[in-house]
Amino acid sequence: MEANPKSLGDLPKAYQSSTPDMTVAIQARAHIGAVLQFVAPQLPLKSALPRAAAFIGINARRARALWNREARAVLAEEIHALEAARARIAERIITREMHQHANTMELYAARLASVDPEGNRAEIDRLRRMAQRARHFASDEEAA
């Protein structure tokens, strides 16, 4: 039996994603590991698990049992909560990347405008429209 890691940096790569051939208990542990890396990447495992459990919406004691492979069974509602937490993480990451993309487009537009605002007008407008679309799309996703 492998030793439990003391911090998130000690997590093996196998626990960072789930595949269909994994058992439900291993999938649950993989989901918890991903939530741990998102919610509290710098904290020791002992203090990170309660934060991850709160993010998932399960009891901290239950999260610890799932993480330590001490749970006798993994309930369907727990797997659904774990998968929903992973989906929320993915949404947040994608939204952040879209905002970063919009900021980059605005930066490029500002640089072009500072060099030659009239000669680069078409490109400046295109970049600003692209940034506006990305922000609009991300704000629609946040509101939903």
N, C-alpha and C. Protein backbone atom coordinates (compact mmCIF):
# COMPACT_ATOMS: atom_id res chain seq x y z
N MET A 1 0.84 -1.17 0.00
CA MET A 1 0.00 0.00 0.00
C MET A 1 0.89 1.23 0.00
N GLU A 2 0.58 2.20 -0.89
CA GLU A 2 1.42 3.38 -0.99
C GLU A 2 1.10 4.36 0.14
N ALA A 3 2.09 5.12 0.52
CA ALA A 3 1.92 6.10 1.59
C ALA A 3 1.12 7.29 1.07
N ASN A 4 0.32 7.88 1.95
CA ASN A 4 -0.44 9.06 1.58
C ASN A 4 0.48 10.26 1.49
N PRO A 5 0.34 11.08 0.44
CA PRO A 5 1.20 12.26 0.32
C PRO A 5 0.84 13.29 1.38
N LYS A 6 1.83 14.05 1.82
CA LYS A 6 1.62 15.07 2.84
C LYS A 6 1.20 16.40 2.24
N SER A 7 1.53 16.64 0.98
CA SER A 7 1.14 17.88 0.32
C SER A 7 0.69 17.55 -1.09
N LEU A 8 0.08 18.54 -1.75
CA LEU A 8 -0.45 18.31 -3.08
C LEU A 8 0.65 18.12 -4.12
N GLY A 9 1.83 18.63 -3.87
CA GLY A 9 2.94 18.43 -4.79
C GLY A 9 3.37 16.98 -4.87
N ASP A 10 3.00 16.19 -3.84
CA ASP A 10 3.36 14.78 -3.81
C ASP A 10 2.36 13.89 -4.55
N LEU A 11 1.29 14.49 -5.12
CA LEU A 11 0.28 13.69 -5.80
C LEU A 11 0.85 13.08 -7.07
N PRO A 12 0.64 11.78 -7.26
CA PRO A 12 1.07 11.17 -8.51
C PRO A 12 0.21 11.67 -9.67
N LYS A 13 0.74 11.64 -10.88
CA LYS A 13 0.01 12.10 -12.06
C LYS A 13 -1.25 11.26 -12.29
N ALA A 14 -1.26 10.00 -11.85
CA ALA A 14 -2.41 9.13 -12.08
C ALA A 14 -3.67 9.66 -11.41
N TYR A 15 -3.53 10.48 -10.38
CA TYR A 15 -4.70 10.99 -9.68
C TYR A 15 -5.17 12.32 -10.23
N GLN A 16 -4.59 12.81 -11.29
CA GLN A 16 -4.96 14.11 -11.82
C GLN A 16 -6.03 14.02 -12.89
N SER A 17 -6.34 12.87 -13.39
CA SER A 17 -7.44 12.73 -14.34
C SER A 17 -8.06 11.35 -14.17
N SER A 18 -9.31 11.24 -14.58
CA SER A 18 -9.97 9.95 -14.46
C SER A 18 -10.23 9.38 -15.84
N THR A 19 -10.15 8.07 -15.94
CA THR A 19 -10.43 7.38 -17.19
C THR A 19 -11.49 6.33 -16.93
N PRO A 20 -12.18 5.87 -17.97
CA PRO A 20 -13.28 4.93 -17.78
C PRO A 20 -12.88 3.61 -17.13
N ASP A 21 -11.62 3.18 -17.25
CA ASP A 21 -11.24 1.89 -16.70
C ASP A 21 -10.88 1.95 -15.21
N MET A 22 -11.02 3.11 -14.59
CA MET A 22 -10.75 3.23 -13.16
C MET A 22 -11.95 2.74 -12.35
N THR A 23 -11.69 2.25 -11.16
CA THR A 23 -12.79 1.90 -10.28
C THR A 23 -13.41 3.19 -9.75
N VAL A 24 -14.60 3.07 -9.20
CA VAL A 24 -15.30 4.25 -8.70
C VAL A 24 -14.53 4.88 -7.55
N ALA A 25 -13.93 4.07 -6.71
CA ALA A 25 -13.16 4.61 -5.58
C ALA A 25 -11.94 5.39 -6.07
N ILE A 26 -11.29 4.88 -7.09
CA ILE A 26 -10.12 5.59 -7.64
C ILE A 26 -10.57 6.86 -8.35
N GLN A 27 -11.71 6.82 -9.04
CA GLN A 27 -12.25 8.02 -9.67
C GLN A 27 -12.57 9.08 -8.63
N ALA A 28 -13.17 8.66 -7.51
CA ALA A 28 -13.49 9.60 -6.44
C ALA A 28 -12.22 10.25 -5.91
N ARG A 29 -11.21 9.45 -5.70
CA ARG A 29 -9.94 10.00 -5.21
C ARG A 29 -9.32 10.94 -6.24
N ALA A 30 -9.40 10.61 -7.52
CA ALA A 30 -8.87 11.47 -8.56
C ALA A 30 -9.61 12.80 -8.60
N HIS A 31 -10.93 12.75 -8.46
CA HIS A 31 -11.71 13.99 -8.43
C HIS A 31 -11.33 14.84 -7.23
N ILE A 32 -11.19 14.22 -6.09
CA ILE A 32 -10.81 14.97 -4.89
C ILE A 32 -9.42 15.58 -5.08
N GLY A 33 -8.50 14.83 -5.66
CA GLY A 33 -7.16 15.35 -5.92
C GLY A 33 -7.19 16.57 -6.83
N ALA A 34 -8.03 16.54 -7.86
CA ALA A 34 -8.14 17.68 -8.77
C ALA A 34 -8.72 18.89 -8.06
N VAL A 35 -9.72 18.65 -7.22
CA VAL A 35 -10.32 19.75 -6.46
C VAL A 35 -9.30 20.32 -5.48
N LEU A 36 -8.53 19.46 -4.85
CA LEU A 36 -7.49 19.91 -3.93
C LEU A 36 -6.49 20.81 -4.65
N GLN A 37 -6.08 20.43 -5.83
CA GLN A 37 -5.10 21.22 -6.58
C GLN A 37 -5.67 22.57 -6.99
N PHE A 38 -6.98 22.66 -7.18
CA PHE A 38 -7.59 23.93 -7.58
C PHE A 38 -7.90 24.81 -6.37
N VAL A 39 -8.46 24.23 -5.32
CA VAL A 39 -8.94 24.99 -4.18
C VAL A 39 -7.80 25.42 -3.25
N ALA A 40 -6.88 24.53 -2.97
CA ALA A 40 -5.84 24.82 -1.98
C ALA A 40 -4.52 24.18 -2.39
N PRO A 41 -3.90 24.64 -3.48
CA PRO A 41 -2.70 23.96 -3.97
C PRO A 41 -1.49 24.08 -3.06
N GLN A 42 -1.41 25.12 -2.25
CA GLN A 42 -0.22 25.33 -1.42
C GLN A 42 -0.39 24.84 0.01
N LEU A 43 -1.59 24.44 0.38
CA LEU A 43 -1.83 24.03 1.76
C LEU A 43 -1.45 22.57 1.97
N PRO A 44 -1.10 22.23 3.21
CA PRO A 44 -0.90 20.81 3.52
C PRO A 44 -2.23 20.07 3.37
N LEU A 45 -2.14 18.80 3.12
CA LEU A 45 -3.31 17.98 2.86
C LEU A 45 -4.32 18.04 4.00
N LYS A 46 -3.85 18.08 5.22
CA LYS A 46 -4.74 18.07 6.38
C LYS A 46 -5.67 19.29 6.40
N SER A 47 -5.17 20.44 6.02
CA SER A 47 -6.02 21.62 6.01
C SER A 47 -6.68 21.85 4.65
N ALA A 48 -6.17 21.23 3.60
CA ALA A 48 -6.77 21.40 2.28
C ALA A 48 -8.02 20.54 2.10
N LEU A 49 -8.06 19.37 2.71
CA LEU A 49 -9.21 18.48 2.53
C LEU A 49 -10.53 19.10 2.98
N PRO A 50 -10.61 19.78 4.13
CA PRO A 50 -11.89 20.41 4.48
C PRO A 50 -12.33 21.47 3.49
N ARG A 51 -11.40 22.22 2.92
CA ARG A 51 -11.75 23.23 1.91
C ARG A 51 -12.27 22.55 0.64
N ALA A 52 -11.62 21.49 0.24
CA ALA A 52 -12.07 20.75 -0.94
C ALA A 52 -13.46 20.16 -0.70
N ALA A 53 -13.68 19.62 0.49
CA ALA A 53 -14.98 19.04 0.82
C ALA A 53 -16.08 20.10 0.75
N ALA A 54 -15.79 21.30 1.26
CA ALA A 54 -16.77 22.38 1.20
C ALA A 54 -17.05 22.77 -0.25
N PHE A 55 -16.04 22.81 -1.08
CA PHE A 55 -16.22 23.14 -2.50
C PHE A 55 -17.07 22.08 -3.19
N ILE A 56 -16.83 20.82 -2.84
CA ILE A 56 -17.56 19.70 -3.44
C ILE A 56 -18.99 19.65 -2.91
N GLY A 57 -19.14 19.96 -1.63
CA GLY A 57 -20.46 19.88 -1.01
C GLY A 57 -20.67 18.58 -0.25
N ILE A 58 -19.58 18.00 0.23
CA ILE A 58 -19.69 16.80 1.05
C ILE A 58 -19.03 17.06 2.40
N ASN A 59 -19.25 16.17 3.33
CA ASN A 59 -18.69 16.27 4.66
C ASN A 59 -17.16 16.11 4.60
N ALA A 60 -16.45 16.88 5.41
CA ALA A 60 -14.99 16.80 5.42
C ALA A 60 -14.50 15.42 5.84
N ARG A 61 -15.19 14.80 6.77
CA ARG A 61 -14.81 13.46 7.21
C ARG A 61 -14.98 12.45 6.08
N ARG A 62 -16.07 12.63 5.31
CA ARG A 62 -16.32 11.73 4.17
C ARG A 62 -15.26 11.94 3.08
N ALA A 63 -14.88 13.19 2.85
CA ALA A 63 -13.84 13.48 1.86
C ALA A 63 -12.53 12.82 2.27
N ARG A 64 -12.21 12.90 3.55
CA ARG A 64 -10.97 12.26 4.04
C ARG A 64 -11.05 10.74 3.86
N ALA A 65 -12.21 10.15 4.13
CA ALA A 65 -12.37 8.70 3.96
C ALA A 65 -12.22 8.30 2.50
N LEU A 66 -12.79 9.10 1.60
CA LEU A 66 -12.65 8.80 0.17
C LEU A 66 -11.20 8.96 -0.27
N TRP A 67 -10.54 10.00 0.22
CA TRP A 67 -9.15 10.25 -0.14
C TRP A 67 -8.24 9.13 0.35
N ASN A 68 -8.45 8.69 1.57
CA ASN A 68 -7.60 7.65 2.18
C ASN A 68 -8.02 6.24 1.80
N ARG A 69 -9.00 6.11 0.92
CA ARG A 69 -9.53 4.80 0.48
C ARG A 69 -10.05 3.97 1.64
N GLU A 70 -10.68 4.65 2.59
CA GLU A 70 -11.25 3.97 3.75
C GLU A 70 -12.76 3.78 3.61
N ALA A 71 -13.37 4.41 2.63
CA ALA A 71 -14.82 4.32 2.44
C ALA A 71 -15.17 2.94 1.91
N ARG A 72 -16.21 2.35 2.46
CA ARG A 72 -16.62 1.03 2.00
C ARG A 72 -17.29 1.09 0.64
N ALA A 73 -17.99 2.18 0.38
CA ALA A 73 -18.67 2.36 -0.91
C ALA A 73 -18.67 3.84 -1.25
N VAL A 74 -18.80 4.11 -2.53
CA VAL A 74 -18.93 5.48 -2.99
C VAL A 74 -20.34 5.62 -3.56
N LEU A 75 -21.09 6.51 -2.98
CA LEU A 75 -22.48 6.69 -3.38
C LEU A 75 -22.56 7.44 -4.71
N ALA A 76 -23.62 7.17 -5.45
CA ALA A 76 -23.81 7.83 -6.74
C ALA A 76 -23.90 9.34 -6.56
N GLU A 77 -24.56 9.79 -5.52
CA GLU A 77 -24.68 11.24 -5.29
C GLU A 77 -23.32 11.87 -4.99
N GLU A 78 -22.41 11.11 -4.39
CA GLU A 78 -21.07 11.62 -4.14
C GLU A 78 -20.28 11.77 -5.45
N ILE A 79 -20.40 10.77 -6.32
CA ILE A 79 -19.74 10.86 -7.62
C ILE A 79 -20.31 12.03 -8.40
N HIS A 80 -21.63 12.23 -8.34
CA HIS A 80 -22.23 13.36 -9.06
C HIS A 80 -21.72 14.68 -8.49
N ALA A 81 -21.60 14.78 -7.18
CA ALA A 81 -21.08 16.00 -6.55
C ALA A 81 -19.62 16.24 -6.95
N LEU A 82 -18.84 15.17 -7.01
CA LEU A 82 -17.43 15.29 -7.41
C LEU A 82 -17.32 15.72 -8.87
N GLU A 83 -18.13 15.13 -9.73
CA GLU A 83 -18.09 15.50 -11.15
C GLU A 83 -18.58 16.93 -11.35
N ALA A 84 -19.58 17.35 -10.59
CA ALA A 84 -20.07 18.73 -10.68
C ALA A 84 -18.99 19.71 -10.23
N ALA A 85 -18.24 19.35 -9.20
CA ALA A 85 -17.14 20.21 -8.74
C ALA A 85 -16.07 20.33 -9.83
N ARG A 86 -15.75 19.22 -10.49
CA ARG A 86 -14.77 19.27 -11.58
C ARG A 86 -15.28 20.15 -12.72
N ALA A 87 -16.58 20.06 -13.00
CA ALA A 87 -17.15 20.90 -14.07
C ALA A 87 -17.07 22.38 -13.70
N ARG A 88 -17.33 22.71 -12.42
CA ARG A 88 -17.22 24.11 -11.98
C ARG A 88 -15.79 24.61 -12.11
N ILE A 89 -14.83 23.76 -11.81
CA ILE A 89 -13.42 24.12 -11.95
C ILE A 89 -13.11 24.40 -13.42
N ALA A 90 -13.55 23.52 -14.30
CA ALA A 90 -13.29 23.71 -15.73
C ALA A 90 -13.92 25.01 -16.23
N GLU A 91 -15.14 25.31 -15.79
CA GLU A 91 -15.79 26.56 -16.19
C GLU A 91 -14.99 27.77 -15.73
N ARG A 92 -14.53 27.75 -14.50
CA ARG A 92 -13.76 28.88 -13.98
C ARG A 92 -12.46 29.07 -14.74
N ILE A 93 -11.80 27.97 -15.06
CA ILE A 93 -10.54 28.06 -15.80
C ILE A 93 -10.78 28.62 -17.20
N ILE A 94 -11.80 28.13 -17.88
CA ILE A 94 -12.10 28.60 -19.23
C ILE A 94 -12.49 30.07 -19.21
N THR A 95 -13.30 30.48 -18.25
CA THR A 95 -13.71 31.88 -18.15
C THR A 95 -12.50 32.78 -17.91
N ARG A 96 -11.61 32.37 -17.03
CA ARG A 96 -10.40 33.14 -16.77
C ARG A 96 -9.54 33.26 -18.03
N GLU A 97 -9.40 32.17 -18.76
CA GLU A 97 -8.62 32.20 -20.00
C GLU A 97 -9.26 33.10 -21.05
N MET A 98 -10.57 33.13 -21.11
CA MET A 98 -11.25 34.01 -22.06
C MET A 98 -11.02 35.47 -21.70
N HIS A 99 -11.06 35.80 -20.42
CA HIS A 99 -10.77 37.17 -20.00
C HIS A 99 -9.31 37.55 -20.31
N GLN A 100 -8.41 36.61 -20.10
CA GLN A 100 -7.01 36.87 -20.42
C GLN A 100 -6.83 37.09 -21.92
N HIS A 101 -7.54 36.31 -22.72
CA HIS A 101 -7.48 36.46 -24.17
C HIS A 101 -8.00 37.85 -24.56
N ALA A 102 -9.11 38.28 -23.98
CA ALA A 102 -9.66 39.60 -24.29
C ALA A 102 -8.67 40.70 -23.91
N ASN A 103 -8.03 40.55 -22.76
CA ASN A 103 -7.03 41.54 -22.35
C ASN A 103 -5.86 41.59 -23.32
N THR A 104 -5.43 40.44 -23.81
CA THR A 104 -4.33 40.39 -24.77
C THR A 104 -4.72 41.09 -26.07
N MET A 105 -5.94 40.85 -26.54
CA MET A 105 -6.40 41.50 -27.77
C MET A 105 -6.45 43.02 -27.59
N GLU A 106 -6.93 43.46 -26.43
CA GLU A 106 -6.96 44.91 -26.15
C GLU A 106 -5.55 45.49 -26.10
N LEU A 107 -4.62 44.76 -25.54
CA LEU A 107 -3.23 45.21 -25.49
C LEU A 107 -2.64 45.36 -26.89
N TYR A 108 -2.88 44.35 -27.74
CA TYR A 108 -2.40 44.43 -29.12
C TYR A 108 -3.02 45.63 -29.84
N ALA A 109 -4.31 45.84 -29.63
CA ALA A 109 -4.99 46.98 -30.26
C ALA A 109 -4.40 48.30 -29.78
N ALA A 110 -4.13 48.40 -28.49
CA ALA A 110 -3.54 49.63 -27.95
C ALA A 110 -2.14 49.86 -28.52
N ARG A 111 -1.38 48.80 -28.67
CA ARG A 111 -0.03 48.95 -29.24
C ARG A 111 -0.09 49.42 -30.69
N LEU A 112 -0.99 48.83 -31.46
CA LEU A 112 -1.15 49.27 -32.84
C LEU A 112 -1.63 50.71 -32.92
N ALA A 113 -2.52 51.08 -32.02
CA ALA A 113 -3.04 52.45 -32.01
C ALA A 113 -1.95 53.45 -31.65
N SER A 114 -1.02 53.03 -30.81
CA SER A 114 0.05 53.96 -30.43
C SER A 114 1.07 54.15 -31.56
N VAL A 115 1.20 53.16 -32.43
CA VAL A 115 2.15 53.25 -33.53
C VAL A 115 1.57 54.07 -34.69
N ASP A 116 0.41 53.66 -35.17
CA ASP A 116 -0.23 54.34 -36.30
C ASP A 116 -1.74 54.10 -36.23
N PRO A 117 -2.47 54.98 -35.53
CA PRO A 117 -3.89 54.74 -35.32
C PRO A 117 -4.71 54.73 -36.62
N GLU A 118 -4.37 55.54 -37.58
CA GLU A 118 -5.15 55.59 -38.81
C GLU A 118 -4.77 54.47 -39.78
N GLY A 119 -3.50 54.16 -39.88
CA GLY A 119 -3.05 53.12 -40.80
C GLY A 119 -3.46 51.73 -40.35
N ASN A 120 -3.62 51.54 -39.04
CA ASN A 120 -3.97 50.22 -38.48
C ASN A 120 -5.43 50.17 -38.04
N ARG A 121 -6.26 51.10 -38.48
CA ARG A 121 -7.64 51.20 -37.99
C ARG A 121 -8.40 49.89 -38.14
N ALA A 122 -8.32 49.24 -39.28
CA ALA A 122 -9.07 48.00 -39.50
C ALA A 122 -8.64 46.90 -38.52
N GLU A 123 -7.34 46.76 -38.34
CA GLU A 123 -6.84 45.73 -37.42
C GLU A 123 -7.17 46.07 -35.98
N ILE A 124 -7.09 47.33 -35.63
CA ILE A 124 -7.43 47.75 -34.26
C ILE A 124 -8.90 47.46 -33.98
N ASP A 125 -9.76 47.79 -34.91
CA ASP A 125 -11.20 47.53 -34.73
C ASP A 125 -11.48 46.04 -34.64
N ARG A 126 -10.79 45.25 -35.47
CA ARG A 126 -10.98 43.79 -35.43
C ARG A 126 -10.57 43.22 -34.08
N LEU A 127 -9.42 43.65 -33.56
CA LEU A 127 -8.95 43.16 -32.27
C LEU A 127 -9.89 43.56 -31.15
N ARG A 128 -10.38 44.79 -31.18
CA ARG A 128 -11.30 45.24 -30.13
C ARG A 128 -12.64 44.53 -30.21
N ARG A 129 -13.12 44.25 -31.41
CA ARG A 129 -14.36 43.47 -31.55
C ARG A 129 -14.17 42.05 -31.02
N MET A 130 -13.02 41.46 -31.31
CA MET A 130 -12.74 40.12 -30.81
C MET A 130 -12.69 40.11 -29.28
N ALA A 131 -12.07 41.12 -28.69
CA ALA A 131 -12.01 41.21 -27.22
C ALA A 131 -13.41 41.40 -26.65
N GLN A 132 -14.21 42.23 -27.30
CA GLN A 132 -15.57 42.47 -26.83
C GLN A 132 -16.41 41.20 -26.91
N ARG A 133 -16.27 40.43 -28.00
CA ARG A 133 -17.01 39.17 -28.12
C ARG A 133 -16.59 38.19 -27.04
N ALA A 134 -15.29 38.11 -26.77
CA ALA A 134 -14.80 37.18 -25.73
C ALA A 134 -15.34 37.58 -24.36
N ARG A 135 -15.32 38.88 -24.06
CA ARG A 135 -15.86 39.33 -22.77
C ARG A 135 -17.36 39.10 -22.68
N HIS A 136 -18.08 39.35 -23.77
CA HIS A 136 -19.52 39.15 -23.79
C HIS A 136 -19.85 37.68 -23.58
N PHE A 137 -19.13 36.81 -24.28
CA PHE A 137 -19.36 35.37 -24.14
C PHE A 137 -19.07 34.92 -22.72
N ALA A 138 -17.95 35.38 -22.14
CA ALA A 138 -17.59 35.00 -20.78
C ALA A 138 -18.61 35.53 -19.77
N SER A 139 -19.12 36.73 -19.99
CA SER A 139 -20.11 37.28 -19.05
C SER A 139 -21.44 36.53 -19.16
N ASP A 140 -21.79 36.06 -20.37
CA ASP A 140 -22.99 35.25 -20.52
C ASP A 140 -22.83 33.92 -19.78
N GLU A 141 -21.64 33.34 -19.83
CA GLU A 141 -21.38 32.08 -19.14
C GLU A 141 -21.43 32.27 -17.63
N GLU A 142 -20.91 33.40 -17.14
CA GLU A 142 -20.91 33.66 -15.70
C GLU A 142 -22.33 33.87 -15.19
N ALA A 143 -23.18 34.50 -16.00
CA ALA A 143 -24.55 34.78 -15.58
C ALA A 143 -25.40 33.52 -15.54
N ALA A 144 -25.06 32.53 -16.35
CA ALA A 144 -25.87 31.30 -16.42
C ALA A 144 -25.70 30.43 -15.23
